[in-house]
Amino acid sequence: MYPTNTNNGSPPTASPRSLSTNVLTAVADAKGQSPVDLEPLYQVINPEALDALFAPRADGTPRTHGSVSFQYAGYWVTVSTEGAVELESDEP
């Protein structure tokens, strides 16, 4: 399993990257490729739905529990409410 640091090093005033962008970056880094060289994420999961799944509730409170896993570009990708992206190769 390859845990990834999804902190993009931006100052606190900068907008955080979306969870779907973090997934693309983590997989591209693990494969040693550019994110643009990967198959489109939308072919396996709806990126907007993924981002919305862990977004704060309508009243602004954070979602505190949950994770989702899916296969993408040769990995099982697991993302959690904390924004963590973990990769596990789906090849034996």
Protein backbone atom coordinates (compact mmCIF):
# COMPACT_ATOMS: atom_id res chain seq x y z
CA MET A 1 0.00 0.00 0.00
CA TYR A 2 1.29 3.47 -0.82
CA PRO A 3 -0.08 6.12 1.56
CA THR A 4 0.24 9.56 0.08
CA ASN A 5 0.59 12.99 1.54
CA THR A 6 -2.17 15.06 -0.01
CA ASN A 7 -0.90 18.32 1.47
CA ASN A 8 -0.03 20.37 -1.57
CA GLY A 9 2.29 22.71 0.37
CA SER A 10 0.13 25.74 -0.39
CA PRO A 11 -0.21 28.54 2.11
CA PRO A 12 -3.36 28.37 4.27
CA THR A 13 -5.00 31.14 2.23
CA ALA A 14 -4.82 29.16 -1.01
CA SER A 15 -7.76 27.03 -2.09
CA PRO A 16 -7.16 23.36 -1.28
CA ARG A 17 -6.96 20.92 -4.15
CA SER A 18 -10.01 18.78 -4.76
CA LEU A 19 -10.03 15.17 -3.64
CA SER A 20 -10.29 14.02 -7.26
CA THR A 21 -7.18 16.07 -8.11
CA ASN A 22 -5.38 14.48 -5.16
CA VAL A 23 -6.29 11.03 -6.53
CA LEU A 24 -4.93 11.88 -9.96
CA THR A 25 -1.72 13.29 -8.51
CA ALA A 26 -1.17 10.30 -6.18
CA VAL A 27 -1.69 7.74 -8.95
CA ALA A 28 0.47 9.68 -11.41
CA ASP A 29 3.26 9.95 -8.83
CA ALA A 30 3.06 6.21 -8.05
CA LYS A 31 3.25 5.37 -11.75
CA GLY A 32 5.95 7.93 -12.47
CA GLN A 33 3.72 9.66 -15.02
CA SER A 34 2.02 12.97 -15.54
CA PRO A 35 -1.67 13.12 -14.56
CA VAL A 36 -2.51 13.99 -18.18
CA ASP A 37 -1.04 10.63 -19.27
CA LEU A 38 -3.56 8.65 -17.16
CA GLU A 39 -6.91 7.47 -18.37
CA PRO A 40 -9.60 10.03 -17.49
CA LEU A 41 -10.79 9.56 -13.92
CA TYR A 42 -14.41 10.03 -15.03
CA GLN A 43 -14.20 6.70 -16.86
CA VAL A 44 -14.17 4.89 -13.49
CA ILE A 45 -15.78 7.31 -11.02
CA ASN A 46 -17.60 10.63 -11.19
CA PRO A 47 -14.99 13.15 -9.93
CA GLU A 48 -17.64 15.70 -8.92
CA ALA A 49 -19.50 13.07 -6.90
CA LEU A 50 -16.24 11.98 -5.26
CA ASP A 51 -15.47 15.57 -4.26
CA ALA A 52 -19.02 16.13 -3.00
CA LEU A 53 -19.06 12.88 -1.02
CA PHE A 54 -16.55 14.21 1.50
CA ALA A 55 -17.35 17.92 1.27
CA PRO A 56 -18.66 19.64 4.41
CA ARG A 57 -22.39 19.33 5.08
CA ALA A 58 -24.75 22.15 4.07
CA ASP A 59 -24.43 23.66 7.57
CA GLY A 60 -20.63 23.70 7.23
CA THR A 61 -19.88 20.86 9.65
CA PRO A 62 -17.31 18.36 8.42
CA ARG A 63 -18.09 14.79 7.57
CA THR A 64 -16.28 12.76 10.19
CA HIS A 65 -16.41 9.15 9.03
CA GLY A 66 -16.19 7.28 5.81
CA SER A 67 -14.09 6.05 2.97
CA VAL A 68 -14.60 4.83 -0.56
CA SER A 69 -12.47 2.49 -2.66
CA PHE A 70 -12.36 1.98 -6.41
CA GLN A 71 -10.02 0.59 -9.07
CA TYR A 72 -8.15 3.08 -11.20
CA ALA A 73 -5.08 2.81 -13.42
CA GLY A 74 -3.80 -0.42 -11.91
CA TYR A 75 -4.49 0.47 -8.27
CA TRP A 76 -7.15 0.07 -5.64
CA VAL A 77 -7.62 3.66 -4.54
CA THR A 78 -9.07 4.37 -1.09
CA VAL A 79 -9.97 7.90 -0.07
CA SER A 80 -11.27 8.99 3.31
CA THR A 81 -13.02 11.91 4.94
CA GLU A 82 -9.63 13.19 6.12
CA GLY A 83 -8.58 13.58 2.48
CA ALA A 84 -6.09 10.72 2.65
CA VAL A 85 -5.45 8.85 -0.58
CA GLU A 86 -4.06 5.32 -0.28
CA LEU A 87 -3.00 3.15 -3.19
CA GLU A 88 -2.62 -0.59 -3.38
CA SER A 89 -1.56 -2.31 -6.56
CA ASP A 90 -4.35 -4.45 -8.01
CA GLU A 91 -1.82 -6.77 -9.66
CA PRO A 92 -0.69 -9.91 -7.82
